[in-house]
Amino acid sequence: MEFKGRDDESWGPLQMDRTYRLVTNNYIAAGRDGYLSFKTVKNEGRYTDTYLDYAQSFVDYVQERGSVGKLPASEYSTQAL
């Protein structure tokens, strides 16, 4: 698994001495679709539920920006299987 931060120029391996924050929806956070590690984190109370609807949040984001363009392929979260 690799990570690319907003200010990073390239993808790199996760570093075990760093702390990462991620955003997901409630379905995945509950361990659905096989994301059992997320369920463990949630059950341990190591999460914050913003109670925001993810679809509405995206609509609000686009309306605020005026438009959004397609990401370059190098920015896609899945680079290889």
N, C-alpha and C. Protein backbone atom coordinates (compact mmCIF):
# COMPACT_ATOMS: atom_id res chain seq x y z
N MET A 1 0.83 -1.15 0.00
CA MET A 1 0.00 0.00 0.00
C MET A 1 0.89 1.23 0.00
N GLU A 2 0.48 2.23 -0.76
CA GLU A 2 1.24 3.47 -0.85
C GLU A 2 0.36 4.67 -0.51
N PHE A 3 1.00 5.77 -0.23
CA PHE A 3 0.32 6.98 0.19
C PHE A 3 0.90 8.16 -0.57
N LYS A 4 0.04 9.12 -0.91
CA LYS A 4 0.50 10.37 -1.53
C LYS A 4 -0.23 11.51 -0.86
N GLY A 5 0.49 12.28 -0.08
CA GLY A 5 -0.09 13.43 0.59
C GLY A 5 -0.31 14.58 -0.37
N ARG A 6 -1.06 15.55 0.06
CA ARG A 6 -1.37 16.70 -0.79
C ARG A 6 -0.13 17.40 -1.31
N ASP A 7 0.89 17.49 -0.49
CA ASP A 7 2.10 18.22 -0.86
C ASP A 7 3.22 17.32 -1.37
N ASP A 8 2.97 16.03 -1.44
CA ASP A 8 3.98 15.08 -1.91
C ASP A 8 4.02 15.07 -3.43
N GLU A 9 5.21 14.88 -3.97
CA GLU A 9 5.37 14.82 -5.42
C GLU A 9 5.11 13.43 -5.97
N SER A 10 5.27 12.41 -5.15
CA SER A 10 5.09 11.05 -5.65
C SER A 10 4.51 10.15 -4.56
N TRP A 11 4.07 8.98 -4.99
CA TRP A 11 3.53 7.98 -4.07
C TRP A 11 4.68 7.29 -3.36
N GLY A 12 4.46 6.89 -2.11
CA GLY A 12 5.48 6.18 -1.36
C GLY A 12 4.84 5.22 -0.37
N PRO A 13 5.62 4.30 0.18
CA PRO A 13 5.07 3.33 1.13
C PRO A 13 4.62 4.01 2.42
N LEU A 14 3.64 3.39 3.06
CA LEU A 14 3.23 3.88 4.38
C LEU A 14 4.39 3.73 5.34
N GLN A 15 4.56 4.69 6.20
CA GLN A 15 5.65 4.66 7.18
C GLN A 15 5.05 4.35 8.54
N MET A 16 5.54 3.30 9.16
CA MET A 16 4.96 2.81 10.40
C MET A 16 5.14 3.78 11.57
N ASP A 17 6.07 4.73 11.46
CA ASP A 17 6.28 5.69 12.55
C ASP A 17 5.46 6.97 12.38
N ARG A 18 4.59 6.99 11.38
CA ARG A 18 3.73 8.15 11.14
C ARG A 18 2.29 7.83 11.48
N THR A 19 1.52 8.86 11.73
CA THR A 19 0.08 8.73 11.95
C THR A 19 -0.62 9.30 10.74
N TYR A 20 -1.58 8.56 10.21
CA TYR A 20 -2.34 8.99 9.04
C TYR A 20 -3.80 9.18 9.43
N ARG A 21 -4.44 10.16 8.84
CA ARG A 21 -5.87 10.36 9.00
C ARG A 21 -6.52 10.11 7.66
N LEU A 22 -7.67 9.47 7.70
CA LEU A 22 -8.38 9.24 6.45
C LEU A 22 -9.84 9.54 6.63
N VAL A 23 -10.50 9.69 5.52
CA VAL A 23 -11.92 10.00 5.50
C VAL A 23 -12.63 8.86 4.78
N THR A 24 -13.74 8.42 5.34
CA THR A 24 -14.54 7.38 4.71
C THR A 24 -16.00 7.60 5.09
N ASN A 25 -16.86 6.79 4.54
CA ASN A 25 -18.27 6.90 4.90
C ASN A 25 -18.60 5.92 6.03
N ASN A 26 -19.79 6.05 6.60
CA ASN A 26 -20.18 5.21 7.73
C ASN A 26 -20.24 3.74 7.38
N TYR A 27 -20.60 3.43 6.15
CA TYR A 27 -20.70 2.04 5.71
C TYR A 27 -19.34 1.34 5.82
N ILE A 28 -18.32 1.96 5.26
CA ILE A 28 -16.97 1.40 5.30
C ILE A 28 -16.42 1.43 6.72
N ALA A 29 -16.68 2.53 7.45
CA ALA A 29 -16.19 2.65 8.83
C ALA A 29 -16.75 1.56 9.73
N ALA A 30 -17.90 1.02 9.39
CA ALA A 30 -18.51 -0.06 10.18
C ALA A 30 -17.96 -1.43 9.81
N GLY A 31 -16.98 -1.47 8.91
CA GLY A 31 -16.36 -2.74 8.54
C GLY A 31 -17.02 -3.45 7.38
N ARG A 32 -17.95 -2.79 6.72
CA ARG A 32 -18.64 -3.41 5.60
C ARG A 32 -17.70 -3.55 4.40
N ASP A 33 -18.07 -4.38 3.47
CA ASP A 33 -17.27 -4.67 2.26
C ASP A 33 -15.87 -5.17 2.60
N GLY A 34 -15.71 -5.76 3.79
CA GLY A 34 -14.44 -6.38 4.15
C GLY A 34 -13.44 -5.46 4.82
N TYR A 35 -13.81 -4.22 5.10
CA TYR A 35 -12.89 -3.28 5.74
C TYR A 35 -12.93 -3.46 7.26
N LEU A 36 -12.54 -4.64 7.71
CA LEU A 36 -12.66 -4.99 9.12
C LEU A 36 -11.74 -4.18 10.03
N SER A 37 -10.62 -3.73 9.52
CA SER A 37 -9.72 -2.89 10.33
C SER A 37 -10.40 -1.59 10.71
N PHE A 38 -11.21 -1.05 9.80
CA PHE A 38 -11.92 0.18 10.11
C PHE A 38 -12.92 -0.05 11.23
N LYS A 39 -13.56 -1.21 11.22
CA LYS A 39 -14.52 -1.55 12.28
C LYS A 39 -13.82 -1.60 13.63
N THR A 40 -12.63 -2.17 13.67
CA THR A 40 -11.86 -2.23 14.91
C THR A 40 -11.57 -0.83 15.43
N VAL A 41 -11.12 0.04 14.55
CA VAL A 41 -10.83 1.43 14.94
C VAL A 41 -12.08 2.10 15.47
N LYS A 42 -13.20 1.91 14.79
CA LYS A 42 -14.46 2.52 15.23
C LYS A 42 -14.88 1.97 16.59
N ASN A 43 -14.81 0.66 16.76
CA ASN A 43 -15.21 0.04 18.02
C ASN A 43 -14.33 0.49 19.19
N GLU A 44 -13.08 0.83 18.90
CA GLU A 44 -12.17 1.32 19.94
C GLU A 44 -12.36 2.80 20.23
N GLY A 45 -13.25 3.46 19.48
CA GLY A 45 -13.52 4.87 19.70
C GLY A 45 -12.49 5.81 19.11
N ARG A 46 -11.66 5.29 18.20
CA ARG A 46 -10.60 6.11 17.60
C ARG A 46 -11.07 6.70 16.27
N TYR A 47 -12.21 7.35 16.29
CA TYR A 47 -12.75 7.94 15.08
C TYR A 47 -13.61 9.15 15.45
N THR A 48 -13.92 9.97 14.47
CA THR A 48 -14.83 11.09 14.64
C THR A 48 -15.91 10.98 13.59
N ASP A 49 -17.15 10.95 14.01
CA ASP A 49 -18.27 10.95 13.07
C ASP A 49 -18.71 12.39 12.90
N THR A 50 -18.59 12.92 11.70
CA THR A 50 -18.96 14.31 11.43
C THR A 50 -20.46 14.46 11.21
N TYR A 51 -21.15 13.35 11.03
CA TYR A 51 -22.59 13.33 10.76
C TYR A 51 -22.94 14.11 9.49
N LEU A 52 -21.97 14.24 8.61
CA LEU A 52 -22.22 14.89 7.32
C LEU A 52 -22.60 13.85 6.29
N ASP A 53 -23.58 14.16 5.48
CA ASP A 53 -23.93 13.29 4.36
C ASP A 53 -22.87 13.48 3.28
N TYR A 54 -22.20 12.40 2.89
CA TYR A 54 -21.07 12.55 1.96
C TYR A 54 -21.50 13.06 0.59
N ALA A 55 -22.68 12.69 0.12
CA ALA A 55 -23.14 13.17 -1.19
C ALA A 55 -23.41 14.66 -1.13
N GLN A 56 -24.08 15.11 -0.08
CA GLN A 56 -24.36 16.54 0.05
C GLN A 56 -23.08 17.33 0.25
N SER A 57 -22.13 16.78 0.98
CA SER A 57 -20.85 17.45 1.18
C SER A 57 -20.14 17.67 -0.15
N PHE A 58 -20.21 16.68 -1.04
CA PHE A 58 -19.59 16.82 -2.36
C PHE A 58 -20.31 17.88 -3.18
N VAL A 59 -21.63 17.87 -3.16
CA VAL A 59 -22.41 18.88 -3.89
C VAL A 59 -22.04 20.27 -3.38
N ASP A 60 -21.98 20.45 -2.07
CA ASP A 60 -21.62 21.74 -1.49
C ASP A 60 -20.22 22.16 -1.93
N TYR A 61 -19.29 21.22 -1.96
CA TYR A 61 -17.91 21.50 -2.38
C TYR A 61 -17.87 21.99 -3.83
N VAL A 62 -18.57 21.31 -4.71
CA VAL A 62 -18.58 21.71 -6.12
C VAL A 62 -19.25 23.07 -6.28
N GLN A 63 -20.35 23.30 -5.60
CA GLN A 63 -21.02 24.59 -5.70
C GLN A 63 -20.14 25.72 -5.19
N GLU A 64 -19.39 25.47 -4.14
CA GLU A 64 -18.49 26.49 -3.59
C GLU A 64 -17.35 26.81 -4.55
N ARG A 65 -16.82 25.80 -5.20
CA ARG A 65 -15.69 25.99 -6.13
C ARG A 65 -16.14 26.48 -7.49
N GLY A 66 -17.37 26.23 -7.86
CA GLY A 66 -17.86 26.62 -9.17
C GLY A 66 -17.80 25.48 -10.16
N SER A 67 -16.75 24.69 -10.09
CA SER A 67 -16.62 23.50 -10.94
C SER A 67 -15.42 22.70 -10.44
N VAL A 68 -15.37 21.47 -10.86
CA VAL A 68 -14.21 20.63 -10.57
C VAL A 68 -13.85 19.91 -11.86
N GLY A 69 -12.57 19.71 -12.06
CA GLY A 69 -12.11 19.01 -13.25
C GLY A 69 -11.71 17.58 -12.93
N LYS A 70 -11.47 16.85 -13.97
CA LYS A 70 -11.03 15.46 -13.81
C LYS A 70 -9.59 15.45 -13.31
N LEU A 71 -9.32 14.58 -12.34
CA LEU A 71 -7.97 14.43 -11.83
C LEU A 71 -7.07 13.78 -12.88
N PRO A 72 -5.79 14.13 -12.90
CA PRO A 72 -4.88 13.38 -13.76
C PRO A 72 -4.75 11.95 -13.23
N ALA A 73 -4.49 11.02 -14.10
CA ALA A 73 -4.41 9.60 -13.71
C ALA A 73 -3.41 9.37 -12.58
N SER A 74 -2.37 10.18 -12.50
CA SER A 74 -1.36 10.01 -11.45
C SER A 74 -1.92 10.31 -10.06
N GLU A 75 -3.07 10.95 -9.98
CA GLU A 75 -3.70 11.28 -8.70
C GLU A 75 -4.75 10.27 -8.27
N TYR A 76 -5.10 9.31 -9.12
CA TYR A 76 -6.11 8.31 -8.76
C TYR A 76 -5.64 7.50 -7.56
N SER A 77 -6.57 7.19 -6.66
CA SER A 77 -6.18 6.49 -5.44
C SER A 77 -5.74 5.05 -5.69
N THR A 78 -6.24 4.42 -6.74
CA THR A 78 -5.81 3.07 -7.09
C THR A 78 -4.90 3.16 -8.30
N GLN A 79 -3.63 2.85 -8.10
CA GLN A 79 -2.64 2.94 -9.17
C GLN A 79 -2.36 1.59 -9.81
N ALA A 80 -2.52 0.53 -9.06
CA ALA A 80 -2.25 -0.81 -9.59
C ALA A 80 -2.99 -1.83 -8.74
N LEU A 81 -3.32 -2.94 -9.35
CA LEU A 81 -3.97 -4.04 -8.62
C LEU A 81 -3.04 -5.23 -8.59
